[in-house]
């Protein structure tokens, strides 16, 4: 933990700015072991392995399973996100130049690779948080940059000031028991004039996934030992990968064969995935099977979230005919708290 992050940290209970109570171990600029303290309500929070663990202990449905499964995933696939193309595709229409000099919140950061991209694109400060132990992987990358800070926190009880120019959350809300509640919690942290981007699974275009794959996930794989799902996903990718690379991708090359591609299932999604390597696609399959909670959203639901949050200049676009990207700006004269 770098001391600079204290500028943005507050007690999740009373919103008083947190202070360093004691430092037990330090490595260069990083406080590795210590304690944060709230003078008002007298709560304290540990800093362990360089990460502030600012959790109140709230226990919502399937929290332990969600934390455990995705922590396993992020640790196994820590190095897959070397290419920023997917990140920029998720937050479209935002681009690299948008990040310059902005204070950014990465909500549900996983391995922290997206935070690293944001830093490389010129962000002033990047605060990345996650509920799971994946923050330990993210901290490994955060140490490479002076302006990246990693915090373990709960999206429903966030320990941050409303001081962010840009907040993004990618593939997180659909795995929450209360997705809209998580979205509202994030929007409250935007500065006036700040922007938010989300990416969620769509209801439209996902009939095959919802009717075939999702029941298997819900009733079978999400309850299996993770090592078994890992090898099952590997076997499935031995089929999916050559299908994407050897059939879908070649069919997209010529006008006459594109007609065939259009009638194949999940054509837009599989064609998009065909640009990535074996390990990247392997992770996508694995993640599909491990989530205890997965929800799918109609476009109208996302529109309603943005409207109720008071966001303006909203843009909602379809991604690969299976999901929604949405962004909006908190008005400069906003009264939302």
Protein backbone atom coordinates (compact mmCIF):
# COMPACT_ATOMS: atom_id res chain seq x y z
CA UNK A 1 0.00 0.00 0.00
CA UNK A 2 1.41 3.36 -1.02
CA UNK A 3 0.61 6.28 1.31
CA UNK A 4 -0.90 8.22 -1.62
CA UNK A 5 -3.95 5.94 -1.58
CA UNK A 6 -5.01 7.39 1.80
CA UNK A 7 -6.28 10.43 -0.11
CA UNK A 8 -9.12 8.27 -1.43
CA UNK A 9 -9.83 5.91 1.50
CA UNK A 10 -12.68 6.34 3.97
CA UNK A 11 -14.28 4.13 6.57
CA UNK A 12 -16.99 2.05 4.86
CA UNK A 13 -19.19 2.46 7.94
CA UNK A 14 -19.11 6.21 8.66
CA UNK A 15 -17.20 7.65 5.64
CA UNK A 16 -14.53 9.32 7.80
CA UNK A 17 -11.08 9.45 6.21
CA UNK A 18 -8.90 6.54 7.31
CA UNK A 19 -5.48 7.06 8.90
CA UNK A 20 -2.40 4.90 9.30
CA UNK A 21 -2.38 3.68 12.90
CA UNK A 22 0.87 1.79 12.74
CA UNK A 23 3.30 0.42 10.17
CA UNK A 24 4.80 -2.98 10.97
CA UNK A 25 6.62 -3.69 7.72
CA UNK A 26 7.61 -1.60 4.73
CA UNK A 27 9.31 -2.40 1.41
CA UNK A 28 10.46 0.64 -0.57
CA UNK A 29 7.32 2.79 -1.05
CA UNK A 30 4.91 -0.01 -0.09
CA UNK A 31 3.47 -0.48 3.40
CA UNK A 32 3.32 -4.27 3.55
CA UNK A 33 1.91 -4.80 7.06
CA UNK A 34 0.08 -2.38 9.27
CA UNK A 35 -3.29 -1.05 10.33
CA UNK A 36 -5.75 1.61 9.17
CA UNK A 37 -7.89 3.37 11.75
CA UNK A 38 -11.12 5.41 11.79
CA UNK A 39 -11.09 8.07 14.51
CA UNK A 40 -14.87 8.50 14.46
CA UNK A 41 -16.22 4.97 14.84
CA UNK A 42 -12.97 3.40 16.11
CA UNK A 43 -12.94 0.64 13.50
CA UNK A 44 -9.60 -0.62 12.28
CA UNK A 45 -8.65 -2.51 9.13
CA UNK A 46 -5.49 -4.52 8.48
CA UNK A 47 -2.94 -4.00 5.76
CA UNK A 48 -1.54 -7.42 4.89
CA UNK A 49 0.75 -8.42 2.01
CA UNK A 50 0.70 -4.77 0.94
CA UNK A 51 -3.09 -4.59 0.56
CA UNK A 52 -5.62 -2.68 2.70
CA UNK A 53 -8.34 -5.20 3.63
CA UNK A 54 -11.28 -2.86 4.22
CA UNK A 55 -14.15 -5.27 4.84
CA UNK A 56 -16.95 -5.04 7.38
CA UNK A 57 -17.70 -8.76 7.36
CA UNK A 58 -21.06 -8.57 5.62
CA UNK A 59 -22.06 -12.00 4.36
CA UNK A 60 -24.39 -12.09 1.37
CA UNK A 61 -25.64 -15.19 -0.45
CA UNK A 62 -22.91 -17.25 -2.16
CA UNK A 63 -20.23 -14.73 -1.24
CA UNK A 64 -17.70 -17.36 -0.16
CA UNK A 65 -18.19 -19.45 -3.30
CA UNK A 66 -17.90 -16.42 -5.58
CA UNK A 67 -14.72 -15.25 -3.85
CA UNK A 68 -13.14 -18.70 -3.90
CA UNK A 69 -13.98 -19.59 -7.50
CA UNK A 70 -12.90 -16.35 -9.11
CA UNK A 71 -9.77 -16.09 -6.96
CA UNK A 72 -8.80 -19.52 -8.28
CA UNK A 73 -9.47 -18.39 -11.84
CA UNK A 74 -7.47 -15.18 -11.59
CA UNK A 75 -4.49 -16.94 -10.05
CA UNK A 76 -4.49 -19.69 -12.70
CA UNK A 77 -4.87 -17.22 -15.55
CA UNK A 78 -2.92 -14.27 -14.17
CA UNK A 79 -1.00 -13.52 -17.34
CA UNK A 80 -3.61 -13.81 -20.10
CA UNK A 81 -4.50 -10.13 -20.39
CA UNK A 82 -1.37 -8.85 -22.08
CA UNK A 83 -3.38 -7.46 -25.00
CA UNK A 84 -5.48 -4.30 -24.33
CA UNK A 85 -7.80 -4.86 -27.31
CA UNK A 86 -10.42 -6.74 -25.32
CA UNK A 87 -10.32 -4.17 -22.52
CA UNK A 88 -10.88 -1.30 -24.95
CA UNK A 89 -13.64 -3.27 -26.66
CA UNK A 90 -15.42 -3.76 -23.33
CA UNK A 91 -15.38 -0.03 -22.50
CA UNK A 92 -16.17 1.23 -26.02
CA UNK A 93 -16.56 4.08 -27.03
CA UNK A 94 -13.90 5.13 -24.51
CA UNK A 95 -10.35 4.95 -25.89
CA UNK A 96 -6.76 5.24 -24.69
CA UNK A 97 -6.68 9.04 -24.77
CA UNK A 98 -9.77 9.24 -22.53
CA UNK A 99 -7.72 8.07 -19.53
CA UNK A 100 -5.22 10.93 -19.52
CA UNK A 101 -4.95 12.67 -16.13
CA UNK A 102 -8.06 10.97 -14.75
CA UNK A 103 -8.56 9.38 -11.33
CA UNK A 104 -9.92 5.94 -12.17
CA UNK A 105 -11.69 3.21 -10.18
CA UNK A 106 -11.40 -0.37 -11.45
CA UNK A 107 -14.36 -2.16 -9.85
CA UNK A 108 -13.78 -5.89 -9.59
CA UNK A 109 -10.19 -5.76 -10.79
CA UNK A 110 -9.33 -9.47 -10.86
CA UNK A 111 -5.64 -9.77 -11.77
CA UNK A 112 -5.27 -6.00 -12.07
CA UNK A 113 -4.21 -6.08 -15.71
CA UNK A 114 -6.94 -3.60 -16.70
CA UNK A 115 -5.66 -1.20 -14.05
CA UNK A 116 -2.22 -1.59 -15.58
CA UNK A 117 -3.64 -0.63 -18.99
CA UNK A 118 -5.37 2.41 -17.47
CA UNK A 119 -2.06 3.50 -15.96
CA UNK A 120 -0.24 2.98 -19.25
CA UNK A 121 -2.88 5.06 -21.03
CA UNK A 122 -2.04 8.05 -18.83
CA UNK A 123 -4.41 7.91 -15.84
CA UNK A 124 -3.37 10.13 -12.92
CA UNK A 125 -4.27 7.52 -10.29
CA UNK A 126 -5.88 4.07 -10.58
CA UNK A 127 -7.60 2.49 -7.58
CA UNK A 128 -8.38 -1.18 -8.18
CA UNK A 129 -10.51 -3.25 -5.82
CA UNK A 130 -11.88 -6.76 -5.63
CA UNK A 131 -13.60 -8.88 -3.01
CA UNK A 132 -11.57 -12.01 -3.69
CA UNK A 133 -7.98 -12.99 -2.99
CA UNK A 134 -7.20 -12.08 -6.61
CA UNK A 135 -6.10 -8.73 -5.13
CA UNK A 136 -2.85 -10.45 -4.25
CA UNK A 137 -2.23 -11.14 -7.93
CA UNK A 138 -3.25 -7.55 -8.77
CA UNK A 139 -0.84 -6.18 -6.17
CA UNK A 140 2.03 -7.97 -7.91
CA UNK A 141 1.35 -5.88 -11.03
CA UNK A 142 0.44 -2.71 -9.11
CA UNK A 143 3.91 -2.57 -7.59
CA UNK A 144 5.26 -1.89 -11.08
CA UNK A 145 3.49 1.46 -11.21
CA UNK A 146 3.52 4.32 -8.70
CA UNK A 147 -0.04 5.36 -9.57
CA UNK A 148 -1.83 2.01 -9.11
CA UNK A 149 -3.32 1.09 -5.73
CA UNK A 150 -5.03 -2.20 -4.84
CA UNK A 151 -7.67 -2.56 -2.12
CA UNK A 152 -9.73 -5.53 -0.96
CA UNK A 153 -13.29 -4.26 -0.59
CA UNK A 154 -16.96 -5.15 -0.91
CA UNK A 155 -18.87 -3.40 -3.71
CA UNK A 156 -21.84 -2.91 -1.39
CA UNK A 157 -19.77 -1.20 1.34
CA UNK A 158 -17.09 0.71 -0.49
CA UNK A 159 -14.32 2.56 1.40
CA UNK A 160 -13.73 5.34 -1.13
CA UNK A 161 -14.43 9.06 -1.44
CA UNK A 162 -16.72 10.27 -4.22
CA UNK A 163 -13.67 11.50 -6.06
CA UNK A 164 -13.43 9.55 -9.33
CA UNK A 165 -13.35 10.88 -12.87
CA UNK A 166 -14.00 7.47 -14.36
CA UNK A 167 -15.32 4.17 -13.01
CA UNK A 168 -15.48 0.98 -15.03
CA UNK A 169 -16.64 -2.51 -14.15
CA UNK A 170 -16.24 -5.39 -16.57
CA UNK A 171 -18.06 -8.70 -16.14
CA UNK A 172 -18.75 -8.13 -12.45
CA UNK A 173 -22.35 -6.99 -12.03
CA UNK A 174 -23.86 -10.15 -13.56
CA UNK A 175 -22.28 -12.24 -10.79
CA UNK A 176 -23.72 -10.20 -7.91
CA UNK A 177 -26.86 -11.10 -5.95
CA UNK A 178 -28.04 -7.48 -6.42
CA UNK A 179 -26.52 -6.17 -9.69
CA UNK A 180 -28.36 -2.85 -9.70
CA UNK A 181 -27.38 -2.27 -6.06
CA UNK A 182 -23.75 -2.78 -7.00
CA UNK A 183 -24.12 -0.35 -9.90
CA UNK A 184 -25.70 2.30 -7.65
CA UNK A 185 -22.90 1.90 -5.12
CA UNK A 186 -20.33 2.67 -7.82
CA UNK A 187 -22.17 5.63 -9.34
CA UNK A 188 -22.25 7.34 -5.94
CA UNK A 189 -18.45 7.58 -6.11
CA UNK A 190 -18.36 9.60 -9.34
CA UNK A 191 -17.37 13.24 -9.32
CA UNK A 192 -19.78 15.63 -10.96
CA UNK A 193 -18.95 15.38 -14.63
CA UNK A 194 -17.42 11.92 -14.15
CA UNK A 195 -18.04 8.96 -16.44
CA UNK A 196 -18.91 5.32 -15.85
CA UNK A 197 -18.68 2.25 -18.11
CA UNK A 198 -20.14 -1.21 -17.50
CA UNK A 199 -20.18 -4.47 -19.42
CA UNK A 200 -22.77 -7.16 -18.65
CA UNK A 201 -24.20 -10.28 -20.26
CA UNK A 202 -27.21 -9.63 -22.46
CA UNK A 203 -30.44 -11.59 -22.40
CA UNK A 204 -30.86 -10.99 -26.09
CA UNK A 205 -28.74 -13.29 -28.24
CA UNK A 206 -27.80 -15.68 -25.46
CA UNK A 207 -30.59 -18.25 -25.82
CA UNK A 208 -28.20 -21.16 -26.39
CA UNK A 209 -26.08 -20.18 -23.38
CA UNK A 210 -29.07 -19.58 -21.10
CA UNK A 211 -30.93 -22.75 -22.07
CA UNK A 212 -28.04 -25.21 -22.39
CA UNK A 213 -24.82 -24.01 -20.76
CA UNK A 214 -26.29 -22.03 -17.86
CA UNK A 215 -28.34 -24.90 -16.35
CA UNK A 216 -25.17 -27.02 -16.42
CA UNK A 217 -23.25 -24.23 -14.69
CA UNK A 218 -25.94 -23.61 -12.10
CA UNK A 219 -26.76 -27.20 -11.20
CA UNK A 220 -23.52 -29.04 -11.87
CA UNK A 221 -20.21 -27.32 -12.57
CA UNK A 222 -20.42 -24.43 -10.07
CA UNK A 223 -20.69 -27.11 -7.35
CA UNK A 224 -17.80 -29.24 -8.58
CA UNK A 225 -14.19 -29.13 -7.35
CA UNK A 226 -12.38 -26.36 -9.20
CA UNK A 227 -9.56 -28.57 -10.45
CA UNK A 228 -12.15 -30.81 -12.17
CA UNK A 229 -13.80 -27.84 -13.92
CA UNK A 230 -10.33 -26.66 -14.92
CA UNK A 231 -9.62 -29.89 -16.81
CA UNK A 232 -13.15 -30.08 -18.18
CA UNK A 233 -12.74 -26.57 -19.61
CA UNK A 234 -9.42 -27.60 -21.12
CA UNK A 235 -11.08 -30.53 -22.90
CA UNK A 236 -13.90 -28.32 -24.18
CA UNK A 237 -11.39 -25.80 -25.49
CA UNK A 238 -9.68 -28.57 -27.45
CA UNK A 239 -12.93 -28.58 -29.44
CA UNK A 240 -13.84 -24.88 -29.29
CA UNK A 241 -10.41 -23.50 -30.24
CA UNK A 242 -10.05 -25.36 -33.58
CA UNK A 243 -13.73 -24.66 -34.30
CA UNK A 244 -13.15 -20.91 -33.88
CA UNK A 245 -9.77 -20.81 -35.63
CA UNK A 246 -10.34 -23.48 -38.27
CA UNK A 247 -13.98 -22.97 -39.27
CA UNK A 248 -15.52 -19.69 -38.11
CA UNK A 249 -12.48 -17.53 -38.85
CA UNK A 250 -11.83 -18.90 -42.38
CA UNK A 251 -15.53 -18.55 -43.25
CA UNK A 252 -15.31 -14.82 -42.46
CA UNK A 253 -12.62 -14.26 -45.11
CA UNK A 254 -14.79 -14.45 -48.22
CA UNK A 255 -18.09 -12.93 -49.22
CA UNK A 256 -19.64 -16.20 -50.35
CA UNK A 257 -18.66 -18.09 -47.17
CA UNK A 258 -19.84 -15.29 -44.87
CA UNK A 259 -23.39 -16.35 -45.78
CA UNK A 260 -22.67 -19.73 -44.22
CA UNK A 261 -21.13 -18.10 -41.14
CA UNK A 262 -24.29 -16.06 -40.54
CA UNK A 263 -26.40 -19.18 -39.99
CA UNK A 264 -23.97 -20.80 -37.54
CA UNK A 265 -24.75 -20.47 -33.80
CA UNK A 266 -23.06 -17.70 -31.79
CA UNK A 267 -21.28 -16.59 -34.97
CA UNK A 268 -20.43 -13.05 -33.87
CA UNK A 269 -19.07 -14.13 -30.49
CA UNK A 270 -17.05 -17.11 -31.74
CA UNK A 271 -15.61 -15.09 -34.62
CA UNK A 272 -14.54 -12.38 -32.18
CA UNK A 273 -12.93 -14.91 -29.83
CA UNK A 274 -11.04 -16.50 -32.72
CA UNK A 275 -8.53 -13.63 -32.66
CA UNK A 276 -7.21 -14.66 -29.23
CA UNK A 277 -4.85 -17.42 -28.18
CA UNK A 278 -5.63 -20.84 -26.72
CA UNK A 279 -5.04 -19.86 -23.11
CA UNK A 280 -7.25 -16.78 -23.31
CA UNK A 281 -10.18 -18.77 -24.70
CA UNK A 282 -9.54 -21.52 -22.13
CA UNK A 283 -10.03 -18.93 -19.36
CA UNK A 284 -13.29 -17.68 -20.93
CA UNK A 285 -14.74 -21.21 -20.91
CA UNK A 286 -13.57 -21.85 -17.36
CA UNK A 287 -15.13 -18.60 -16.07
CA UNK A 288 -18.43 -19.48 -17.73
CA UNK A 289 -18.71 -22.65 -15.63
CA UNK A 290 -17.55 -21.53 -12.18
CA UNK A 291 -19.80 -18.60 -11.27
CA UNK A 292 -22.33 -19.44 -8.50
CA UNK A 293 -24.48 -16.55 -9.78
CA UNK A 294 -24.86 -15.44 -13.39
CA UNK A 295 -27.58 -13.09 -14.60
CA UNK A 296 -28.54 -11.83 -18.06
CA UNK A 297 -30.01 -8.42 -18.79
CA UNK A 298 -32.38 -6.93 -21.33
CA UNK A 299 -31.29 -3.66 -22.90
CA UNK A 300 -34.29 -1.97 -21.26
CA UNK A 301 -33.01 -2.95 -17.81
CA UNK A 302 -29.65 -1.32 -18.45
CA UNK A 303 -31.36 1.80 -19.79
CA UNK A 304 -33.41 1.97 -16.59
CA UNK A 305 -30.31 1.67 -14.41
CA UNK A 306 -28.69 4.61 -16.20
CA UNK A 307 -31.88 6.68 -16.05
CA UNK A 308 -32.46 6.08 -12.32
CA UNK A 309 -28.81 6.91 -11.62
CA UNK A 310 -29.32 10.28 -13.29
CA UNK A 311 -26.59 9.69 -15.88
CA UNK A 312 -26.60 11.75 -19.08
CA UNK A 313 -25.00 11.34 -22.51
CA UNK A 314 -25.69 7.63 -22.16
CA UNK A 315 -24.57 5.17 -24.81
CA UNK A 316 -25.58 1.50 -24.90
CA UNK A 317 -24.10 -0.75 -27.56
CA UNK A 318 -24.36 -4.44 -28.32
CA UNK A 319 -21.17 -6.48 -28.10
CA UNK A 320 -20.92 -9.62 -30.24
CA UNK A 321 -24.72 -9.97 -30.24
CA UNK A 322 -24.52 -11.38 -26.69
CA UNK A 323 -23.81 -8.59 -24.21
CA UNK A 324 -24.22 -4.90 -23.46
CA UNK A 325 -21.69 -2.10 -23.06
CA UNK A 326 -23.06 1.03 -21.43
CA UNK A 327 -21.60 4.37 -20.43
CA UNK A 328 -22.91 7.62 -19.04
CA UNK A 329 -21.86 10.85 -17.39
CA UNK A 330 -22.85 12.27 -14.03
CA UNK A 331 -24.06 15.83 -14.78
CA UNK A 332 -22.00 18.73 -13.48
CA UNK A 333 -25.10 20.02 -11.66
CA UNK A 334 -26.07 16.59 -10.34
CA UNK A 335 -27.69 16.37 -6.92
CA UNK A 336 -27.07 12.63 -6.65
CA UNK A 337 -25.11 11.74 -3.53
